[in-house]
Amino acid sequence: GIPTGIQFWDEVNWDEVSKLEDRSLVLTDHNQMSQKVADKFPKGRVEWIVDHHAKTNSHPEAKDDVHEGVGSACSIVQEAFTERGIS
């Protein structure tokens, strides 16, 4: 799906998330999962990668918006939100 907002790691109710069998993840400013993140999401559940670092092809099934020439992943996120009319 399309993200409707941003939540930070420490704002998430992980007990509720674990109940969602179809949960997926958008990786932002990283294109690989840390072990902490991987423990919360089954392999293959990365839906989208928004990043400005070099591609690693860690999640070939995911849509990717990787723009190595951009200075910040925040710029890519804002462009995606603007394109979708999300403010």
PDB file of N, CA and C in Angstrom:
ATOM      1  N   GLY A   1       0.802  -1.174   0.000  1.00  0.00           N
ATOM      2  CA  GLY A   1       0.000   0.000   0.000  1.00  0.00           C
ATOM      3  C   GLY A   1       0.852   1.246   0.000  1.00  0.00           C
ATOM      4  N   ILE A   2       0.178   2.358   0.035  1.00  0.00           N
ATOM      5  CA  ILE A   2       0.827   3.663   0.064  1.00  0.00           C
ATOM      6  C   ILE A   2       0.856   4.150   1.507  1.00  0.00           C
ATOM      7  N   PRO A   3       2.011   4.588   1.978  1.00  0.00           N
ATOM      8  CA  PRO A   3       2.072   5.100   3.348  1.00  0.00           C
ATOM      9  C   PRO A   3       1.179   6.316   3.510  1.00  0.00           C
ATOM     10  N   THR A   4       0.529   6.406   4.655  1.00  0.00           N
ATOM     11  CA  THR A   4      -0.328   7.553   4.931  1.00  0.00           C
ATOM     12  C   THR A   4       0.276   8.457   5.991  1.00  0.00           C
ATOM     13  N   GLY A   5       1.417   8.095   6.497  1.00  0.00           N
ATOM     14  CA  GLY A   5       2.097   8.902   7.498  1.00  0.00           C
ATOM     15  C   GLY A   5       3.393   8.225   7.897  1.00  0.00           C
ATOM     16  N   ILE A   6       4.088   8.875   8.788  1.00  0.00           N
ATOM     17  CA  ILE A   6       5.365   8.348   9.249  1.00  0.00           C
ATOM     18  C   ILE A   6       5.274   8.076  10.738  1.00  0.00           C
ATOM     19  N   GLN A   7       5.776   6.919  11.151  1.00  0.00           N
ATOM     20  CA  GLN A   7       5.907   6.609  12.568  1.00  0.00           C
ATOM     21  C   GLN A   7       7.331   6.202  12.838  1.00  0.00           C
ATOM     22  N   PHE A   8       7.850   6.608  13.972  1.00  0.00           N
ATOM     23  CA  PHE A   8       9.206   6.273  14.340  1.00  0.00           C
ATOM     24  C   PHE A   8       9.219   5.015  15.199  1.00  0.00           C
ATOM     25  N   TRP A   9      10.348   4.333  15.212  1.00  0.00           N
ATOM     26  CA  TRP A   9      10.495   3.030  15.863  1.00  0.00           C
ATOM     27  C   TRP A   9       9.942   3.032  17.285  1.00  0.00           C
ATOM     28  N   ASP A  10      10.287   4.040  18.072  1.00  0.00           N
ATOM     29  CA  ASP A  10       9.878   4.047  19.475  1.00  0.00           C
ATOM     30  C   ASP A  10       8.427   4.473  19.684  1.00  0.00           C
ATOM     31  N   GLU A  11       7.717   4.810  18.614  1.00  0.00           N
ATOM     32  CA  GLU A  11       6.299   5.161  18.702  1.00  0.00           C
ATOM     33  C   GLU A  11       5.384   3.981  18.376  1.00  0.00           C
ATOM     34  N   VAL A  12       5.949   2.897  17.894  1.00  0.00           N
ATOM     35  CA  VAL A  12       5.157   1.763  17.414  1.00  0.00           C
ATOM     36  C   VAL A  12       4.750   0.859  18.571  1.00  0.00           C
ATOM     37  N   ASN A  13       3.495   0.437  18.566  1.00  0.00           N
ATOM     38  CA  ASN A  13       3.007  -0.557  19.519  1.00  0.00           C
ATOM     39  C   ASN A  13       3.290  -1.929  18.907  1.00  0.00           C
ATOM     40  N   TRP A  14       4.434  -2.514  19.247  1.00  0.00           N
ATOM     41  CA  TRP A  14       4.883  -3.751  18.604  1.00  0.00           C
ATOM     42  C   TRP A  14       4.002  -4.947  18.925  1.00  0.00           C
ATOM     43  N   ASP A  15       3.302  -4.923  20.071  1.00  0.00           N
ATOM     44  CA  ASP A  15       2.368  -6.015  20.373  1.00  0.00           C
ATOM     45  C   ASP A  15       1.235  -6.034  19.347  1.00  0.00           C
ATOM     46  N   GLU A  16       0.742  -4.861  18.991  1.00  0.00           N
ATOM     47  CA  GLU A  16      -0.328  -4.771  17.987  1.00  0.00           C
ATOM     48  C   GLU A  16       0.199  -5.127  16.598  1.00  0.00           C
ATOM     49  N   VAL A  17       1.383  -4.666  16.255  1.00  0.00           N
ATOM     50  CA  VAL A  17       1.967  -4.964  14.944  1.00  0.00           C
ATOM     51  C   VAL A  17       2.151  -6.463  14.764  1.00  0.00           C
ATOM     52  N   SER A  18       2.586  -7.138  15.808  1.00  0.00           N
ATOM     53  CA  SER A  18       2.836  -8.580  15.693  1.00  0.00           C
ATOM     54  C   SER A  18       1.561  -9.363  15.387  1.00  0.00           C
ATOM     55  N   LYS A  19       0.393  -8.786  15.648  1.00  0.00           N
ATOM     56  CA  LYS A  19      -0.884  -9.443  15.354  1.00  0.00           C
ATOM     57  C   LYS A  19      -1.259  -9.341  13.873  1.00  0.00           C
ATOM     58  N   LEU A  20      -0.597  -8.463  13.135  1.00  0.00           N
ATOM     59  CA  LEU A  20      -0.908  -8.245  11.722  1.00  0.00           C
ATOM     60  C   LEU A  20      -0.106  -9.222  10.871  1.00  0.00           C
ATOM     61  N   GLU A  21      -0.760 -10.240  10.371  1.00  0.00           N
ATOM     62  CA  GLU A  21      -0.052 -11.257   9.598  1.00  0.00           C
ATOM     63  C   GLU A  21       0.503 -10.723   8.287  1.00  0.00           C
ATOM     64  N   ASP A  22      -0.159  -9.750   7.686  1.00  0.00           N
ATOM     65  CA  ASP A  22       0.263  -9.222   6.389  1.00  0.00           C
ATOM     66  C   ASP A  22       1.075  -7.941   6.515  1.00  0.00           C
ATOM     67  N   ARG A  23       1.731  -7.746   7.633  1.00  0.00           N
ATOM     68  CA  ARG A  23       2.490  -6.505   7.814  1.00  0.00           C
ATOM     69  C   ARG A  23       3.683  -6.460   6.865  1.00  0.00           C
ATOM     70  N   SER A  24       4.001  -5.257   6.436  1.00  0.00           N
ATOM     71  CA  SER A  24       5.155  -5.063   5.564  1.00  0.00           C
ATOM     72  C   SER A  24       5.860  -3.784   5.988  1.00  0.00           C
ATOM     73  N   LEU A  25       6.948  -3.494   5.316  1.00  0.00           N
ATOM     74  CA  LEU A  25       7.830  -2.446   5.783  1.00  0.00           C
ATOM     75  C   LEU A  25       8.345  -1.615   4.618  1.00  0.00           C
ATOM     76  N   VAL A  26       8.489  -0.324   4.849  1.00  0.00           N
ATOM     77  CA  VAL A  26       9.180   0.565   3.924  1.00  0.00           C
ATOM     78  C   VAL A  26      10.505   0.923   4.593  1.00  0.00           C
ATOM     79  N   LEU A  27      11.606   0.586   3.953  1.00  0.00           N
ATOM     80  CA  LEU A  27      12.920   0.946   4.477  1.00  0.00           C
ATOM     81  C   LEU A  27      13.270   2.340   3.978  1.00  0.00           C
ATOM     82  N   THR A  28      13.567   3.237   4.906  1.00  0.00           N
ATOM     83  CA  THR A  28      13.881   4.618   4.567  1.00  0.00           C
ATOM     84  C   THR A  28      15.273   4.958   5.076  1.00  0.00           C
ATOM     85  N   ASP A  29      16.112   5.432   4.187  1.00  0.00           N
ATOM     86  CA  ASP A  29      17.491   5.820   4.473  1.00  0.00           C
ATOM     87  C   ASP A  29      18.379   4.615   4.800  1.00  0.00           C
ATOM     88  N   HIS A  30      17.871   3.450   4.503  1.00  0.00           N
ATOM     89  CA  HIS A  30      18.634   2.200   4.632  1.00  0.00           C
ATOM     90  C   HIS A  30      18.061   1.243   3.604  1.00  0.00           C
ATOM     91  N   ASN A  31      18.873   0.411   3.017  1.00  0.00           N
ATOM     92  CA  ASN A  31      18.307  -0.568   2.085  1.00  0.00           C
ATOM     93  C   ASN A  31      18.558  -1.992   2.541  1.00  0.00           C
ATOM     94  N   GLN A  32      18.985  -2.119   3.790  1.00  0.00           N
ATOM     95  CA  GLN A  32      19.103  -3.435   4.419  1.00  0.00           C
ATOM     96  C   GLN A  32      18.500  -3.333   5.811  1.00  0.00           C
ATOM     97  N   MET A  33      17.939  -4.426   6.302  1.00  0.00           N
ATOM     98  CA  MET A  33      17.364  -4.440   7.638  1.00  0.00           C
ATOM     99  C   MET A  33      18.426  -4.781   8.670  1.00  0.00           C
ATOM    100  N   SER A  34      18.396  -4.073   9.785  1.00  0.00           N
ATOM    101  CA  SER A  34      19.216  -4.471  10.916  1.00  0.00           C
ATOM    102  C   SER A  34      18.569  -5.711  11.537  1.00  0.00           C
ATOM    103  N   GLN A  35      19.263  -6.396  12.380  1.00  0.00           N
ATOM    104  CA  GLN A  35      18.694  -7.587  13.016  1.00  0.00           C
ATOM    105  C   GLN A  35      17.476  -7.225  13.856  1.00  0.00           C
ATOM    106  N   LYS A  36      17.518  -6.069  14.503  1.00  0.00           N
ATOM    107  CA  LYS A  36      16.392  -5.597  15.319  1.00  0.00           C
ATOM    108  C   LYS A  36      15.117  -5.493  14.480  1.00  0.00           C
ATOM    109  N   VAL A  37      15.262  -4.978  13.271  1.00  0.00           N
ATOM    110  CA  VAL A  37      14.110  -4.848  12.374  1.00  0.00           C
ATOM    111  C   VAL A  37      13.718  -6.211  11.808  1.00  0.00           C
ATOM    112  N   ALA A  38      14.687  -6.984  11.386  1.00  0.00           N
ATOM    113  CA  ALA A  38      14.417  -8.302  10.797  1.00  0.00           C
ATOM    114  C   ALA A  38      13.657  -9.203  11.764  1.00  0.00           C
ATOM    115  N   ASP A  39      13.896  -9.041  13.058  1.00  0.00           N
ATOM    116  CA  ASP A  39      13.183  -9.843  14.052  1.00  0.00           C
ATOM    117  C   ASP A  39      11.690  -9.533  14.070  1.00  0.00           C
ATOM    118  N   LYS A  40      11.309  -8.346  13.647  1.00  0.00           N
ATOM    119  CA  LYS A  40       9.893  -7.925  13.674  1.00  0.00           C
ATOM    120  C   LYS A  40       9.153  -8.208  12.370  1.00  0.00           C
ATOM    121  N   PHE A  41       9.906  -8.431  11.279  1.00  0.00           N
ATOM    122  CA  PHE A  41       9.282  -8.605   9.975  1.00  0.00           C
ATOM    123  C   PHE A  41       9.819  -9.855   9.286  1.00  0.00           C
ATOM    124  N   PRO A  42       8.925 -10.742   8.855  1.00  0.00           N
ATOM    125  CA  PRO A  42       9.379 -11.942   8.150  1.00  0.00           C
ATOM    126  C   PRO A  42      10.125 -11.566   6.870  1.00  0.00           C
ATOM    127  N   LYS A  43      11.048 -12.385   6.475  1.00  0.00           N
ATOM    128  CA  LYS A  43      11.822 -12.137   5.254  1.00  0.00           C
ATOM    129  C   LYS A  43      10.866 -11.972   4.066  1.00  0.00           C
ATOM    130  N   GLY A  44      11.203 -11.047   3.211  1.00  0.00           N
ATOM    131  CA  GLY A  44      10.376 -10.812   2.038  1.00  0.00           C
ATOM    132  C   GLY A  44       9.241  -9.842   2.260  1.00  0.00           C
ATOM    133  N   ARG A  45       9.188  -9.198   3.409  1.00  0.00           N
ATOM    134  CA  ARG A  45       8.086  -8.281   3.697  1.00  0.00           C
ATOM    135  C   ARG A  45       8.462  -6.820   3.483  1.00  0.00           C
ATOM    136  N   VAL A  46       9.597  -6.570   2.834  1.00  0.00           N
ATOM    137  CA  VAL A  46       9.965  -5.201   2.503  1.00  0.00           C
ATOM    138  C   VAL A  46       9.213  -4.834   1.235  1.00  0.00           C
ATOM    139  N   GLU A  47       8.361  -3.839   1.346  1.00  0.00           N
ATOM    140  CA  GLU A  47       7.496  -3.441   0.241  1.00  0.00           C
ATOM    141  C   GLU A  47       8.133  -2.359  -0.626  1.00  0.00           C
ATOM    142  N   TRP A  48       8.946  -1.495   0.004  1.00  0.00           N
ATOM    143  CA  TRP A  48       9.448  -0.328  -0.699  1.00  0.00           C
ATOM    144  C   TRP A  48      10.736   0.117  -0.016  1.00  0.00           C
ATOM    145  N   ILE A  49      11.699   0.550  -0.799  1.00  0.00           N
ATOM    146  CA  ILE A  49      12.954   1.089  -0.278  1.00  0.00           C
ATOM    147  C   ILE A  49      13.096   2.517  -0.786  1.00  0.00           C
ATOM    148  N   VAL A  50      13.261   3.453   0.146  1.00  0.00           N
ATOM    149  CA  VAL A  50      13.459   4.860  -0.179  1.00  0.00           C
ATOM    150  C   VAL A  50      14.824   5.231   0.398  1.00  0.00           C
ATOM    151  N   ASP A  51      15.801   5.446  -0.473  1.00  0.00           N
ATOM    152  CA  ASP A  51      17.165   5.584   0.022  1.00  0.00           C
ATOM    153  C   ASP A  51      18.013   6.409  -0.937  1.00  0.00           C
ATOM    154  N   HIS A  52      19.139   6.894  -0.421  1.00  0.00           N
ATOM    155  CA  HIS A  52      20.088   7.626  -1.259  1.00  0.00           C
ATOM    156  C   HIS A  52      21.467   6.983  -1.214  1.00  0.00           C
ATOM    157  N   HIS A  53      21.568   5.817  -0.612  1.00  0.00           N
ATOM    158  CA  HIS A  53      22.826   5.063  -0.577  1.00  0.00           C
ATOM    159  C   HIS A  53      22.880   4.103  -1.769  1.00  0.00           C
ATOM    160  N   ALA A  54      24.038   3.548  -2.028  1.00  0.00           N
ATOM    161  CA  ALA A  54      24.210   2.621  -3.155  1.00  0.00           C
ATOM    162  C   ALA A  54      23.280   1.414  -3.011  1.00  0.00           C
ATOM    163  N   LYS A  55      22.694   0.989  -4.131  1.00  0.00           N
ATOM    164  CA  LYS A  55      21.808  -0.185  -4.130  1.00  0.00           C
ATOM    165  C   LYS A  55      22.571  -1.432  -3.705  1.00  0.00           C
ATOM    166  N   THR A  56      21.894  -2.274  -2.933  1.00  0.00           N
ATOM    167  CA  THR A  56      22.500  -3.533  -2.495  1.00  0.00           C
ATOM    168  C   THR A  56      21.741  -4.741  -3.033  1.00  0.00           C
ATOM    169  N   ASN A  57      20.551  -4.527  -3.603  1.00  0.00           N
ATOM    170  CA  ASN A  57      19.679  -5.608  -4.074  1.00  0.00           C
ATOM    171  C   ASN A  57      19.370  -6.607  -2.973  1.00  0.00           C
ATOM    172  N   SER A  58      19.304  -6.131  -1.740  1.00  0.00           N
ATOM    173  CA  SER A  58      18.988  -6.981  -0.595  1.00  0.00           C
ATOM    174  C   SER A  58      17.545  -7.468  -0.616  1.00  0.00           C
ATOM    175  N   HIS A  59      16.676  -6.685  -1.249  1.00  0.00           N
ATOM    176  CA  HIS A  59      15.250  -7.022  -1.296  1.00  0.00           C
ATOM    177  C   HIS A  59      14.749  -6.822  -2.724  1.00  0.00           C
ATOM    178  N   PRO A  60      15.069  -7.751  -3.615  1.00  0.00           N
ATOM    179  CA  PRO A  60      14.720  -7.574  -5.026  1.00  0.00           C
ATOM    180  C   PRO A  60      13.220  -7.511  -5.282  1.00  0.00           C
ATOM    181  N   GLU A  61      12.417  -8.016  -4.354  1.00  0.00           N
ATOM    182  CA  GLU A  61      10.962  -8.005  -4.527  1.00  0.00           C
ATOM    183  C   GLU A  61      10.359  -6.631  -4.238  1.00  0.00           C
ATOM    184  N   ALA A  62      11.112  -5.759  -3.606  1.00  0.00           N
ATOM    185  CA  ALA A  62      10.593  -4.461  -3.180  1.00  0.00           C
ATOM    186  C   ALA A  62      10.669  -3.426  -4.292  1.00  0.00           C
ATOM    187  N   LYS A  63       9.679  -2.538  -4.309  1.00  0.00           N
ATOM    188  CA  LYS A  63       9.756  -1.353  -5.164  1.00  0.00           C
ATOM    189  C   LYS A  63      10.896  -0.516  -4.597  1.00  0.00           C
ATOM    190  N   ASP A  64      11.674   0.108  -5.447  1.00  0.00           N
ATOM    191  CA  ASP A  64      12.719   0.949  -4.874  1.00  0.00           C
ATOM    192  C   ASP A  64      12.769   2.321  -5.516  1.00  0.00           C
ATOM    193  N   ASP A  65      12.989   3.288  -4.650  1.00  0.00           N
ATOM    194  CA  ASP A  65      13.272   4.657  -5.037  1.00  0.00           C
ATOM    195  C   ASP A  65      14.634   4.967  -4.434  1.00  0.00           C
ATOM    196  N   VAL A  66      15.676   4.494  -5.106  1.00  0.00           N
ATOM    197  CA  VAL A  66      17.038   4.717  -4.646  1.00  0.00           C
ATOM    198  C   VAL A  66      17.672   5.717  -5.602  1.00  0.00           C
ATOM    199  N   HIS A  67      18.008   6.859  -5.059  1.00  0.00           N
ATOM    200  CA  HIS A  67      18.596   7.943  -5.841  1.00  0.00           C
ATOM    201  C   HIS A  67      19.917   8.323  -5.192  1.00  0.00           C
ATOM    202  N   GLU A  68      20.991   7.752  -5.690  1.00  0.00           N
ATOM    203  CA  GLU A  68      22.312   7.947  -5.078  1.00  0.00           C
ATOM    204  C   GLU A  68      22.804   9.380  -5.153  1.00  0.00           C
ATOM    205  N   GLY A  69      22.311  10.160  -6.084  1.00  0.00           N
ATOM    206  CA  GLY A  69      22.775  11.537  -6.226  1.00  0.00           C
ATOM    207  C   GLY A  69      22.102  12.520  -5.286  1.00  0.00           C
ATOM    208  N   VAL A  70      21.090  12.066  -4.547  1.00  0.00           N
ATOM    209  CA  VAL A  70      20.358  12.937  -3.630  1.00  0.00           C
ATOM    210  C   VAL A  70      21.072  12.939  -2.288  1.00  0.00           C
ATOM    211  N   GLY A  71      21.151  14.092  -1.647  1.00  0.00           N
ATOM    212  CA  GLY A  71      21.888  14.210  -0.392  1.00  0.00           C
ATOM    213  C   GLY A  71      21.180  13.638   0.815  1.00  0.00           C
ATOM    214  N   SER A  72      19.854  13.452   0.736  1.00  0.00           N
ATOM    215  CA  SER A  72      19.103  13.001   1.899  1.00  0.00           C
ATOM    216  C   SER A  72      17.899  12.180   1.469  1.00  0.00           C
ATOM    217  N   ALA A  73      17.633  11.110   2.205  1.00  0.00           N
ATOM    218  CA  ALA A  73      16.444  10.301   1.934  1.00  0.00           C
ATOM    219  C   ALA A  73      15.172  11.091   2.235  1.00  0.00           C
ATOM    220  N   CYS A  74      15.265  12.075   3.116  1.00  0.00           N
ATOM    221  CA  CYS A  74      14.100  12.909   3.438  1.00  0.00           C
ATOM    222  C   CYS A  74      13.557  13.606   2.197  1.00  0.00           C
ATOM    223  N   SER A  75      14.438  14.016   1.317  1.00  0.00           N
ATOM    224  CA  SER A  75      14.013  14.670   0.069  1.00  0.00           C
ATOM    225  C   SER A  75      13.189  13.718  -0.786  1.00  0.00           C
ATOM    226  N   ILE A  76      13.594  12.461  -0.836  1.00  0.00           N
ATOM    227  CA  ILE A  76      12.883  11.460  -1.636  1.00  0.00           C
ATOM    228  C   ILE A  76      11.515  11.180  -1.013  1.00  0.00           C
ATOM    229  N   VAL A  77      11.462  11.084   0.323  1.00  0.00           N
ATOM    230  CA  VAL A  77      10.193  10.855   1.026  1.00  0.00           C
ATOM    231  C   VAL A  77       9.236  12.005   0.766  1.00  0.00           C
ATOM    232  N   GLN A  78       9.714  13.234   0.884  1.00  0.00           N
ATOM    233  CA  GLN A  78       8.850  14.387   0.658  1.00  0.00           C
ATOM    234  C   GLN A  78       8.311  14.406  -0.767  1.00  0.00           C
ATOM    235  N   GLU A  79       9.148  14.091  -1.740  1.00  0.00           N
ATOM    236  CA  GLU A  79       8.687  14.032  -3.124  1.00  0.00           C
ATOM    237  C   GLU A  79       7.594  12.980  -3.286  1.00  0.00           C
ATOM    238  N   ALA A  80       7.769  11.821  -2.681  1.00  0.00           N
ATOM    239  CA  ALA A  80       6.769  10.752  -2.781  1.00  0.00           C
ATOM    240  C   ALA A  80       5.455  11.177  -2.133  1.00  0.00           C
ATOM    241  N   PHE A  81       5.527  11.819  -0.970  1.00  0.00           N
ATOM    242  CA  PHE A  81       4.312  12.289  -0.299  1.00  0.00           C
ATOM    243  C   PHE A  81       3.624  13.367  -1.132  1.00  0.00           C
ATOM    244  N   THR A  82       4.400  14.306  -1.667  1.00  0.00           N
ATOM    245  CA  THR A  82       3.832  15.381  -2.476  1.00  0.00           C
ATOM    246  C   THR A  82       3.135  14.827  -3.709  1.00  0.00           C
ATOM    247  N   GLU A  83       3.768  13.854  -4.388  1.00  0.00           N
ATOM    248  CA  GLU A  83       3.177  13.238  -5.575  1.00  0.00           C
ATOM    249  C   GLU A  83       1.845  12.583  -5.262  1.00  0.00           C
ATOM    250  N   ARG A  84       1.677  12.105  -4.037  1.00  0.00           N
ATOM    251  CA  ARG A  84       0.453  11.394  -3.635  1.00  0.00           C
ATOM    252  C   ARG A  84      -0.534  12.287  -2.888  1.00  0.00           C
ATOM    253  N   GLY A  85      -0.208  13.572  -2.764  1.00  0.00           N
ATOM    254  CA  GLY A  85      -1.104  14.500  -2.099  1.00  0.00           C
ATOM    255  C   GLY A  85      -1.152  14.331  -0.587  1.00  0.00           C
ATOM    256  N   ILE A  86      -0.091  13.763  -0.013  1.00  0.00           N
ATOM    257  CA  ILE A  86      -0.027  13.569   1.440  1.00  0.00           C
ATOM    258  C   ILE A  86       0.790  14.704   2.029  1.00  0.00           C
ATOM    259  N   SER A  87       0.253  15.329   3.057  1.00  0.00           N
ATOM    260  CA  SER A  87       1.014  16.424   3.678  1.00  0.00           C
ATOM    261  C   SER A  87       1.236  16.154   5.151  1.00  0.00           C
TER     262      SER A  87
END
